[in-house]
N, C-alpha and C. Protein backbone atom coordinates (compact mmCIF):
# COMPACT_ATOMS: atom_id res chain seq x y z
N MET A 1 16.74 -8.37 -15.04
CA MET A 1 15.31 -8.49 -14.92
C MET A 1 14.77 -7.65 -13.78
N ILE A 2 15.53 -7.51 -12.71
CA ILE A 2 15.07 -6.73 -11.57
C ILE A 2 14.87 -5.28 -11.96
N SER A 3 15.75 -4.73 -12.79
CA SER A 3 15.60 -3.33 -13.18
C SER A 3 14.36 -3.11 -14.01
N ILE A 4 13.93 -4.10 -14.77
CA ILE A 4 12.70 -3.97 -15.56
C ILE A 4 11.51 -3.89 -14.63
N VAL A 5 11.43 -4.80 -13.66
CA VAL A 5 10.31 -4.82 -12.75
C VAL A 5 10.29 -3.57 -11.89
N SER A 6 11.46 -3.06 -11.51
CA SER A 6 11.49 -1.90 -10.63
C SER A 6 10.96 -0.64 -11.30
N SER A 7 10.91 -0.62 -12.62
CA SER A 7 10.41 0.57 -13.29
C SER A 7 8.91 0.53 -13.52
N VAL A 8 8.26 -0.54 -13.15
CA VAL A 8 6.83 -0.68 -13.38
C VAL A 8 6.06 -0.02 -12.26
N SER A 9 5.09 0.79 -12.61
CA SER A 9 4.25 1.43 -11.62
C SER A 9 3.10 0.52 -11.26
N SER A 10 2.68 0.56 -10.01
CA SER A 10 1.55 -0.24 -9.60
C SER A 10 0.31 0.61 -9.36
N CYS A 11 0.40 1.92 -9.51
CA CYS A 11 -0.73 2.78 -9.21
C CYS A 11 -1.37 3.38 -10.45
N GLU A 12 -0.67 3.48 -11.53
CA GLU A 12 -1.22 4.09 -12.73
C GLU A 12 -2.37 3.23 -13.23
N VAL A 13 -3.50 3.85 -13.50
CA VAL A 13 -4.68 3.09 -13.84
C VAL A 13 -5.03 3.15 -15.32
N LEU A 14 -4.99 4.30 -15.94
CA LEU A 14 -5.49 4.44 -17.30
C LEU A 14 -4.38 4.73 -18.30
N ARG A 15 -3.70 3.69 -18.75
CA ARG A 15 -2.71 3.84 -19.79
C ARG A 15 -2.43 2.49 -20.40
N THR A 16 -1.81 2.48 -21.56
CA THR A 16 -1.50 1.21 -22.21
C THR A 16 -0.27 0.60 -21.56
N LYS A 17 -0.14 -0.71 -21.68
CA LYS A 17 0.97 -1.41 -21.05
C LYS A 17 2.24 -1.29 -21.87
N SER A 18 3.34 -1.06 -21.17
CA SER A 18 4.65 -1.03 -21.81
C SER A 18 5.18 -2.45 -21.88
N LYS A 19 6.28 -2.63 -22.59
CA LYS A 19 6.92 -3.95 -22.67
C LYS A 19 7.29 -4.44 -21.27
N ALA A 20 7.81 -3.55 -20.43
CA ALA A 20 8.19 -3.93 -19.07
C ALA A 20 6.98 -4.42 -18.29
N GLU A 21 5.85 -3.73 -18.45
CA GLU A 21 4.65 -4.13 -17.74
C GLU A 21 4.13 -5.47 -18.24
N GLU A 22 4.23 -5.70 -19.54
CA GLU A 22 3.80 -6.98 -20.08
C GLU A 22 4.65 -8.11 -19.52
N LEU A 23 5.96 -7.88 -19.39
CA LEU A 23 6.84 -8.88 -18.79
C LEU A 23 6.48 -9.12 -17.33
N ALA A 24 6.22 -8.03 -16.60
CA ALA A 24 5.85 -8.16 -15.19
C ALA A 24 4.52 -8.88 -15.04
N ALA A 25 3.59 -8.63 -15.97
CA ALA A 25 2.27 -9.26 -15.90
C ALA A 25 2.39 -10.77 -16.07
N LYS A 26 3.36 -11.21 -16.84
CA LYS A 26 3.56 -12.65 -17.01
C LYS A 26 3.99 -13.30 -15.71
N LYS A 27 4.60 -12.51 -14.82
CA LYS A 27 5.04 -13.03 -13.53
C LYS A 27 3.98 -12.83 -12.45
N ALA A 28 2.88 -12.19 -12.81
CA ALA A 28 1.82 -11.92 -11.84
C ALA A 28 1.18 -13.23 -11.39
N PRO A 29 0.57 -13.22 -10.21
CA PRO A 29 -0.05 -14.44 -9.72
C PRO A 29 -1.14 -14.90 -10.68
N LYS A 30 -1.26 -16.21 -10.85
CA LYS A 30 -2.23 -16.78 -11.79
C LYS A 30 -3.67 -16.58 -11.32
N SER A 31 -3.89 -16.68 -10.03
CA SER A 31 -5.25 -16.48 -9.53
C SER A 31 -5.31 -15.15 -8.81
N THR A 32 -6.35 -14.39 -9.06
CA THR A 32 -6.49 -13.11 -8.39
C THR A 32 -7.25 -13.33 -7.08
N PRO A 33 -6.81 -12.67 -6.01
CA PRO A 33 -7.47 -12.87 -4.73
C PRO A 33 -8.87 -12.27 -4.73
N GLU A 34 -9.74 -12.90 -3.98
CA GLU A 34 -11.09 -12.35 -3.81
C GLU A 34 -10.98 -11.10 -2.95
N ARG A 35 -11.76 -10.09 -3.29
CA ARG A 35 -11.79 -8.90 -2.44
C ARG A 35 -12.43 -9.27 -1.12
N ARG A 36 -11.88 -8.72 -0.07
CA ARG A 36 -12.43 -8.98 1.26
C ARG A 36 -13.35 -7.84 1.66
N SER A 37 -14.33 -8.17 2.43
CA SER A 37 -15.27 -7.17 2.90
C SER A 37 -14.65 -6.37 4.04
N VAL A 38 -14.90 -5.09 4.04
CA VAL A 38 -14.41 -4.23 5.11
C VAL A 38 -15.62 -3.83 5.94
N SER A 39 -16.24 -4.78 6.55
CA SER A 39 -17.47 -4.48 7.27
C SER A 39 -17.24 -4.09 8.72
N SER A 40 -16.21 -4.63 9.35
CA SER A 40 -16.03 -4.37 10.76
C SER A 40 -14.56 -4.33 11.13
N VAL A 41 -14.20 -3.31 11.85
CA VAL A 41 -12.85 -3.16 12.37
C VAL A 41 -12.96 -2.98 13.87
N ARG A 42 -12.11 -3.69 14.59
CA ARG A 42 -12.09 -3.55 16.05
C ARG A 42 -11.01 -2.54 16.42
N LYS A 43 -11.37 -1.58 17.23
CA LYS A 43 -10.36 -0.65 17.75
C LYS A 43 -9.64 -1.37 18.87
N THR A 44 -8.35 -1.59 18.68
CA THR A 44 -7.58 -2.32 19.68
C THR A 44 -6.82 -1.36 20.58
N THR A 45 -6.43 -1.87 21.72
CA THR A 45 -5.65 -1.07 22.65
C THR A 45 -4.19 -1.53 22.67
N VAL A 46 -3.78 -2.22 21.60
CA VAL A 46 -2.39 -2.66 21.49
C VAL A 46 -1.51 -1.42 21.38
N PRO A 47 -0.50 -1.32 22.24
CA PRO A 47 0.38 -0.16 22.16
C PRO A 47 1.14 -0.13 20.83
N VAL A 48 1.35 1.06 20.32
CA VAL A 48 2.07 1.21 19.06
C VAL A 48 3.57 1.16 19.36
N SER A 49 4.27 0.26 18.66
CA SER A 49 5.71 0.08 18.90
C SER A 49 6.49 1.28 18.37
N ALA A 50 7.73 1.39 18.84
CA ALA A 50 8.61 2.46 18.37
C ALA A 50 8.86 2.32 16.87
N ASN A 51 9.03 1.07 16.38
CA ASN A 51 9.23 0.87 14.95
C ASN A 51 8.03 1.37 14.16
N THR A 52 6.83 1.08 14.63
CA THR A 52 5.62 1.52 13.93
C THR A 52 5.51 3.03 13.94
N ARG A 53 5.77 3.66 15.07
CA ARG A 53 5.73 5.12 15.15
C ARG A 53 6.73 5.74 14.18
N ASN A 54 7.93 5.17 14.12
CA ASN A 54 8.95 5.69 13.20
C ASN A 54 8.57 5.42 11.75
N LEU A 55 7.96 4.28 11.47
CA LEU A 55 7.50 3.95 10.13
C LEU A 55 6.52 5.01 9.63
N ILE A 56 5.57 5.34 10.47
CA ILE A 56 4.56 6.34 10.11
C ILE A 56 5.20 7.72 9.96
N LYS A 57 6.15 8.04 10.82
CA LYS A 57 6.85 9.32 10.72
C LYS A 57 7.56 9.44 9.37
N VAL A 58 8.24 8.36 8.96
CA VAL A 58 8.93 8.38 7.67
C VAL A 58 7.92 8.52 6.53
N ALA A 59 6.84 7.74 6.56
CA ALA A 59 5.81 7.83 5.51
C ALA A 59 5.23 9.24 5.45
N ARG A 60 4.94 9.82 6.59
CA ARG A 60 4.36 11.16 6.62
C ARG A 60 5.33 12.23 6.13
N SER A 61 6.61 11.95 6.15
CA SER A 61 7.57 12.93 5.64
C SER A 61 7.39 13.14 4.13
N TYR A 62 6.66 12.26 3.47
CA TYR A 62 6.37 12.39 2.04
C TYR A 62 5.04 13.12 1.78
N THR A 63 4.33 13.50 2.84
CA THR A 63 3.04 14.18 2.66
C THR A 63 3.20 15.39 1.76
N GLY A 64 2.33 15.49 0.77
CA GLY A 64 2.36 16.60 -0.17
C GLY A 64 3.22 16.36 -1.40
N VAL A 65 4.03 15.30 -1.39
CA VAL A 65 4.84 15.00 -2.58
C VAL A 65 3.87 14.63 -3.71
N PRO A 66 4.05 15.20 -4.89
CA PRO A 66 3.11 14.90 -5.98
C PRO A 66 3.22 13.45 -6.46
N TYR A 67 2.14 12.98 -7.03
CA TYR A 67 2.12 11.63 -7.61
C TYR A 67 2.91 11.63 -8.91
N ARG A 68 3.72 10.59 -9.08
CA ARG A 68 4.40 10.35 -10.35
C ARG A 68 4.50 8.86 -10.54
N SER A 69 3.95 8.36 -11.62
CA SER A 69 3.99 6.93 -11.91
C SER A 69 5.44 6.46 -11.97
N GLY A 70 5.76 5.44 -11.18
CA GLY A 70 7.13 4.93 -11.13
C GLY A 70 8.07 5.76 -10.29
N GLY A 71 7.56 6.85 -9.71
CA GLY A 71 8.41 7.75 -8.93
C GLY A 71 8.74 7.20 -7.56
N ASN A 72 9.90 7.61 -7.05
CA ASN A 72 10.27 7.17 -5.70
C ASN A 72 11.16 8.20 -4.99
N ASP A 73 10.89 9.47 -5.22
CA ASP A 73 11.63 10.50 -4.49
C ASP A 73 10.74 11.72 -4.28
N GLU A 74 11.32 12.79 -3.72
CA GLU A 74 10.53 13.98 -3.37
C GLU A 74 10.00 14.74 -4.57
N ARG A 75 10.49 14.43 -5.77
CA ARG A 75 9.97 15.08 -6.98
C ARG A 75 8.66 14.45 -7.44
N GLY A 76 8.41 13.22 -7.01
CA GLY A 76 7.19 12.52 -7.37
C GLY A 76 7.29 11.06 -6.95
N ILE A 77 6.16 10.51 -6.49
CA ILE A 77 6.19 9.14 -5.96
C ILE A 77 4.84 8.47 -6.23
N ASP A 78 4.86 7.16 -6.39
CA ASP A 78 3.59 6.43 -6.49
C ASP A 78 3.41 5.61 -5.21
N CYS A 79 2.29 4.90 -5.12
CA CYS A 79 1.95 4.23 -3.86
C CYS A 79 2.97 3.17 -3.46
N SER A 80 3.39 2.35 -4.40
CA SER A 80 4.35 1.30 -4.04
C SER A 80 5.73 1.89 -3.77
N GLY A 81 6.06 2.98 -4.43
CA GLY A 81 7.31 3.68 -4.15
C GLY A 81 7.33 4.24 -2.74
N LEU A 82 6.17 4.75 -2.28
CA LEU A 82 6.06 5.26 -0.92
C LEU A 82 6.37 4.15 0.08
N LEU A 83 5.79 2.97 -0.13
CA LEU A 83 6.05 1.86 0.77
C LEU A 83 7.51 1.41 0.69
N CYS A 84 8.04 1.30 -0.52
CA CYS A 84 9.44 0.89 -0.69
C CYS A 84 10.39 1.83 0.05
N ASN A 85 10.23 3.13 -0.17
CA ASN A 85 11.11 4.12 0.46
C ASN A 85 10.98 4.11 1.98
N THR A 86 9.75 3.97 2.46
CA THR A 86 9.51 3.98 3.90
C THR A 86 10.19 2.79 4.56
N PHE A 87 10.01 1.61 4.00
CA PHE A 87 10.59 0.40 4.60
C PHE A 87 12.10 0.33 4.40
N LYS A 88 12.59 0.95 3.36
CA LYS A 88 14.04 0.97 3.12
C LYS A 88 14.77 1.62 4.29
N GLU A 89 14.13 2.59 4.94
CA GLU A 89 14.71 3.26 6.11
C GLU A 89 14.94 2.28 7.26
N PHE A 90 14.26 1.13 7.22
CA PHE A 90 14.38 0.11 8.27
C PHE A 90 15.17 -1.10 7.79
N GLY A 91 15.80 -0.96 6.63
CA GLY A 91 16.59 -2.06 6.09
C GLY A 91 15.77 -3.17 5.47
N ILE A 92 14.50 -2.89 5.18
CA ILE A 92 13.61 -3.89 4.58
C ILE A 92 13.37 -3.50 3.13
N LEU A 93 13.76 -4.36 2.22
CA LEU A 93 13.60 -4.10 0.79
C LEU A 93 12.32 -4.77 0.29
N LEU A 94 11.28 -3.97 0.14
CA LEU A 94 10.01 -4.49 -0.37
C LEU A 94 10.08 -4.63 -1.88
N PRO A 95 9.27 -5.52 -2.45
CA PRO A 95 9.14 -5.54 -3.91
C PRO A 95 8.61 -4.19 -4.39
N ARG A 96 8.81 -3.85 -5.65
CA ARG A 96 8.44 -2.53 -6.16
C ARG A 96 6.98 -2.41 -6.56
N VAL A 97 6.29 -3.51 -6.78
CA VAL A 97 4.89 -3.43 -7.23
C VAL A 97 3.95 -3.85 -6.10
N SER A 98 2.79 -3.21 -6.05
CA SER A 98 1.90 -3.39 -4.90
C SER A 98 1.37 -4.80 -4.74
N TRP A 99 1.08 -5.53 -5.82
CA TRP A 99 0.55 -6.89 -5.63
C TRP A 99 1.61 -7.78 -4.99
N GLN A 100 2.89 -7.54 -5.30
CA GLN A 100 3.96 -8.32 -4.66
C GLN A 100 4.14 -7.88 -3.21
N GLN A 101 3.98 -6.59 -2.95
CA GLN A 101 4.07 -6.09 -1.58
C GLN A 101 2.98 -6.72 -0.71
N SER A 102 1.81 -6.95 -1.30
CA SER A 102 0.68 -7.51 -0.54
C SER A 102 0.95 -8.93 -0.08
N GLU A 103 1.93 -9.57 -0.67
CA GLU A 103 2.27 -10.96 -0.32
C GLU A 103 3.56 -11.06 0.49
N PHE A 104 4.18 -9.94 0.81
CA PHE A 104 5.49 -9.93 1.45
C PHE A 104 5.44 -10.27 2.94
N PHE A 105 4.46 -9.73 3.65
CA PHE A 105 4.30 -9.97 5.08
C PHE A 105 3.07 -10.84 5.32
N PRO A 106 2.92 -11.40 6.52
CA PRO A 106 1.76 -12.25 6.81
C PRO A 106 0.44 -11.47 6.70
N ALA A 107 -0.53 -12.09 6.03
CA ALA A 107 -1.85 -11.48 5.88
C ALA A 107 -2.57 -11.44 7.22
N ILE A 108 -3.43 -10.44 7.37
CA ILE A 108 -4.26 -10.34 8.57
C ILE A 108 -5.71 -10.14 8.16
N ASP A 109 -6.62 -10.48 9.06
CA ASP A 109 -8.03 -10.24 8.83
C ASP A 109 -8.36 -8.81 9.20
N ILE A 110 -9.26 -8.24 8.47
CA ILE A 110 -9.60 -6.82 8.64
C ILE A 110 -10.06 -6.45 10.05
N PRO A 111 -10.79 -7.29 10.77
CA PRO A 111 -11.18 -6.84 12.12
C PRO A 111 -9.98 -6.60 13.03
N ASN A 112 -8.84 -7.20 12.71
CA ASN A 112 -7.65 -7.07 13.54
C ASN A 112 -6.70 -5.98 13.08
N ILE A 113 -7.12 -5.17 12.14
CA ILE A 113 -6.22 -4.15 11.58
C ILE A 113 -5.82 -3.15 12.65
N ARG A 114 -4.55 -2.72 12.57
CA ARG A 114 -4.08 -1.73 13.53
C ARG A 114 -3.04 -0.82 12.88
N THR A 115 -2.68 0.20 13.61
CA THR A 115 -1.71 1.18 13.14
C THR A 115 -0.43 0.47 12.67
N GLY A 116 0.05 0.88 11.49
CA GLY A 116 1.27 0.31 10.93
C GLY A 116 1.05 -0.81 9.94
N ASP A 117 -0.17 -1.34 9.87
CA ASP A 117 -0.47 -2.41 8.91
C ASP A 117 -0.49 -1.84 7.50
N LEU A 118 -0.19 -2.70 6.55
CA LEU A 118 -0.25 -2.31 5.14
C LEU A 118 -1.61 -2.71 4.59
N VAL A 119 -2.20 -1.84 3.79
CA VAL A 119 -3.50 -2.13 3.19
C VAL A 119 -3.39 -2.04 1.67
N PHE A 120 -4.15 -2.91 1.00
CA PHE A 120 -4.05 -3.02 -0.45
C PHE A 120 -5.44 -2.99 -1.06
N PHE A 121 -5.49 -2.39 -2.24
CA PHE A 121 -6.76 -2.16 -2.91
C PHE A 121 -6.67 -2.59 -4.37
N SER A 122 -7.82 -2.94 -4.92
CA SER A 122 -7.94 -3.22 -6.35
C SER A 122 -8.77 -2.09 -6.93
N VAL A 123 -8.09 -1.06 -7.38
CA VAL A 123 -8.76 0.14 -7.87
C VAL A 123 -9.32 -0.09 -9.27
N ASN A 124 -8.66 -0.95 -10.02
CA ASN A 124 -9.04 -1.18 -11.42
C ASN A 124 -9.09 -2.68 -11.67
N GLY A 125 -10.24 -3.30 -11.44
CA GLY A 125 -10.36 -4.74 -11.65
C GLY A 125 -10.10 -5.52 -10.38
N LYS A 126 -9.59 -6.75 -10.55
CA LYS A 126 -9.40 -7.64 -9.40
C LYS A 126 -7.97 -7.70 -8.89
N VAL A 127 -7.02 -7.23 -9.66
CA VAL A 127 -5.61 -7.30 -9.26
C VAL A 127 -5.27 -6.16 -8.32
N VAL A 128 -4.52 -6.46 -7.27
CA VAL A 128 -4.06 -5.42 -6.34
C VAL A 128 -3.19 -4.43 -7.10
N ASN A 129 -3.57 -3.15 -7.04
CA ASN A 129 -2.81 -2.13 -7.75
C ASN A 129 -2.70 -0.81 -6.99
N HIS A 130 -2.98 -0.87 -5.68
CA HIS A 130 -2.82 0.33 -4.86
C HIS A 130 -2.50 -0.10 -3.44
N ALA A 131 -1.66 0.70 -2.75
CA ALA A 131 -1.19 0.32 -1.42
C ALA A 131 -1.07 1.53 -0.51
N GLY A 132 -1.14 1.27 0.78
CA GLY A 132 -0.97 2.32 1.77
C GLY A 132 -0.60 1.74 3.12
N ILE A 133 -0.38 2.62 4.09
CA ILE A 133 -0.02 2.23 5.45
C ILE A 133 -1.04 2.84 6.40
N VAL A 134 -1.61 2.03 7.29
CA VAL A 134 -2.55 2.53 8.29
C VAL A 134 -1.78 3.40 9.28
N THR A 135 -2.24 4.64 9.43
CA THR A 135 -1.58 5.57 10.34
C THR A 135 -2.32 5.70 11.67
N GLU A 136 -3.62 5.37 11.66
CA GLU A 136 -4.40 5.49 12.88
C GLU A 136 -5.72 4.75 12.73
N VAL A 137 -6.10 4.02 13.78
CA VAL A 137 -7.43 3.40 13.85
C VAL A 137 -8.18 4.18 14.91
N ARG A 138 -9.06 5.06 14.46
CA ARG A 138 -9.80 5.93 15.39
C ARG A 138 -11.07 5.26 15.90
N SER A 139 -11.73 4.53 15.00
CA SER A 139 -12.96 3.81 15.34
C SER A 139 -13.23 2.80 14.24
N GLU A 140 -14.29 2.02 14.37
CA GLU A 140 -14.61 1.05 13.32
C GLU A 140 -15.00 1.72 12.01
N ASN A 141 -15.35 3.00 12.06
CA ASN A 141 -15.71 3.74 10.86
C ASN A 141 -14.65 4.73 10.40
N GLU A 142 -13.53 4.74 11.08
CA GLU A 142 -12.48 5.70 10.73
C GLU A 142 -11.10 5.05 10.90
N VAL A 143 -10.60 4.52 9.78
CA VAL A 143 -9.27 3.91 9.73
C VAL A 143 -8.47 4.73 8.72
N ILE A 144 -7.51 5.48 9.21
CA ILE A 144 -6.76 6.43 8.39
C ILE A 144 -5.53 5.74 7.82
N PHE A 145 -5.28 5.94 6.53
CA PHE A 145 -4.09 5.38 5.90
C PHE A 145 -3.44 6.42 5.01
N ILE A 146 -2.12 6.30 4.85
CA ILE A 146 -1.36 7.20 3.99
C ILE A 146 -1.07 6.48 2.70
N HIS A 147 -1.19 7.21 1.59
CA HIS A 147 -0.96 6.63 0.27
C HIS A 147 -0.66 7.74 -0.72
N ALA A 148 -0.27 7.35 -1.92
CA ALA A 148 0.00 8.33 -2.98
C ALA A 148 -1.21 8.36 -3.91
N SER A 149 -1.98 9.41 -3.80
CA SER A 149 -3.16 9.62 -4.63
C SER A 149 -2.72 10.16 -5.99
N THR A 150 -3.31 9.63 -7.06
CA THR A 150 -2.93 10.11 -8.39
C THR A 150 -3.30 11.58 -8.59
N SER A 151 -4.33 12.06 -7.90
CA SER A 151 -4.75 13.45 -8.09
C SER A 151 -4.22 14.41 -7.04
N LYS A 152 -3.90 13.92 -5.83
CA LYS A 152 -3.52 14.82 -4.74
C LYS A 152 -2.14 14.56 -4.17
N GLY A 153 -1.41 13.59 -4.70
CA GLY A 153 -0.10 13.26 -4.15
C GLY A 153 -0.24 12.46 -2.87
N VAL A 154 0.77 12.51 -2.02
CA VAL A 154 0.76 11.73 -0.79
C VAL A 154 -0.14 12.41 0.23
N ILE A 155 -1.19 11.68 0.62
CA ILE A 155 -2.19 12.19 1.56
C ILE A 155 -2.63 11.06 2.49
N GLU A 156 -3.40 11.44 3.49
CA GLU A 156 -4.05 10.46 4.37
C GLU A 156 -5.54 10.51 4.11
N ASP A 157 -6.13 9.31 4.05
CA ASP A 157 -7.56 9.15 3.77
C ASP A 157 -8.16 8.16 4.76
N ASN A 158 -9.47 8.17 4.83
CA ASN A 158 -10.20 7.19 5.63
C ASN A 158 -10.56 6.01 4.74
N MET A 159 -10.01 4.83 5.03
CA MET A 159 -10.29 3.66 4.19
C MET A 159 -11.69 3.09 4.44
N MET A 160 -12.43 3.66 5.35
CA MET A 160 -13.79 3.19 5.62
C MET A 160 -14.85 3.96 4.84
N THR A 161 -14.42 4.82 3.91
CA THR A 161 -15.39 5.47 3.03
C THR A 161 -15.90 4.43 2.04
N ASN A 162 -17.02 4.70 1.44
CA ASN A 162 -17.59 3.76 0.47
C ASN A 162 -16.62 3.47 -0.68
N TYR A 163 -15.90 4.50 -1.14
CA TYR A 163 -14.97 4.31 -2.24
C TYR A 163 -13.91 3.27 -1.90
N TRP A 164 -13.20 3.45 -0.77
CA TRP A 164 -12.12 2.54 -0.41
C TRP A 164 -12.63 1.18 0.05
N LYS A 165 -13.73 1.15 0.78
CA LYS A 165 -14.28 -0.14 1.22
C LYS A 165 -14.62 -1.03 0.03
N ALA A 166 -15.16 -0.43 -1.03
CA ALA A 166 -15.53 -1.20 -2.22
C ALA A 166 -14.32 -1.74 -2.97
N ARG A 167 -13.15 -1.17 -2.73
CA ARG A 167 -11.94 -1.55 -3.46
C ARG A 167 -10.91 -2.29 -2.60
N PHE A 168 -11.21 -2.46 -1.33
CA PHE A 168 -10.29 -3.14 -0.42
C PHE A 168 -10.02 -4.56 -0.89
N ALA A 169 -8.75 -4.96 -0.88
CA ALA A 169 -8.37 -6.31 -1.31
C ALA A 169 -7.78 -7.13 -0.16
N SER A 170 -6.82 -6.55 0.58
CA SER A 170 -6.18 -7.32 1.66
C SER A 170 -5.37 -6.39 2.56
N ALA A 171 -4.88 -6.98 3.64
CA ALA A 171 -4.03 -6.25 4.58
C ALA A 171 -2.97 -7.22 5.10
N CYS A 172 -1.84 -6.67 5.50
CA CYS A 172 -0.80 -7.50 6.10
C CYS A 172 -0.06 -6.69 7.16
N ARG A 173 0.61 -7.43 8.04
CA ARG A 173 1.30 -6.79 9.14
C ARG A 173 2.81 -6.89 8.96
N PRO A 174 3.50 -5.75 8.96
CA PRO A 174 4.96 -5.76 8.79
C PRO A 174 5.66 -6.53 9.90
N ASN A 175 6.72 -7.17 9.51
CA ASN A 175 7.59 -7.89 10.43
C ASN A 175 8.94 -7.21 10.31
N PHE A 176 9.34 -6.47 11.32
CA PHE A 176 10.56 -5.68 11.26
C PHE A 176 11.84 -6.51 11.37
N SER A 177 11.68 -7.80 11.60
CA SER A 177 12.87 -8.66 11.69
C SER A 177 13.17 -9.33 10.36
N LYS A 178 12.42 -9.00 9.32
CA LYS A 178 12.61 -9.64 8.02
C LYS A 178 13.89 -9.22 7.39
């Protein structure tokens, strides 16, 4: 069963569901989380840990890799694959799909977001189907995150743009002792 779930993409938006996806959907949470407002972010002066710096370095090593649904290597990668591969370098095995990743670490409120936090979006409906890692909090209007864009591959974007703010679902903070 694990191999079926691992082949499911969490970023592909416009396609019909495969048998594997239908099986995974049956295991999806029964209630969909309410989208949270991204109205205010506090720029904190919390020092960035060595683990967080290394996490971002690993994620950035995928910059420019093209998007591929279900991909998890330099030939092509999707958003949840980017997170899986990045955390694997630290001995942390994340679930393969973004909605499960959003529940893996403790949730945080958006005003407390900081570098290294994971951010999740509902790009298509109410279910979490996109993920990224905050690489820098520059100001309350500029929170940069790395993710696998379907059109541009692995890039960094500002999650405080109208597009991302409207699709923001949740955030969580990695625990490197997991």
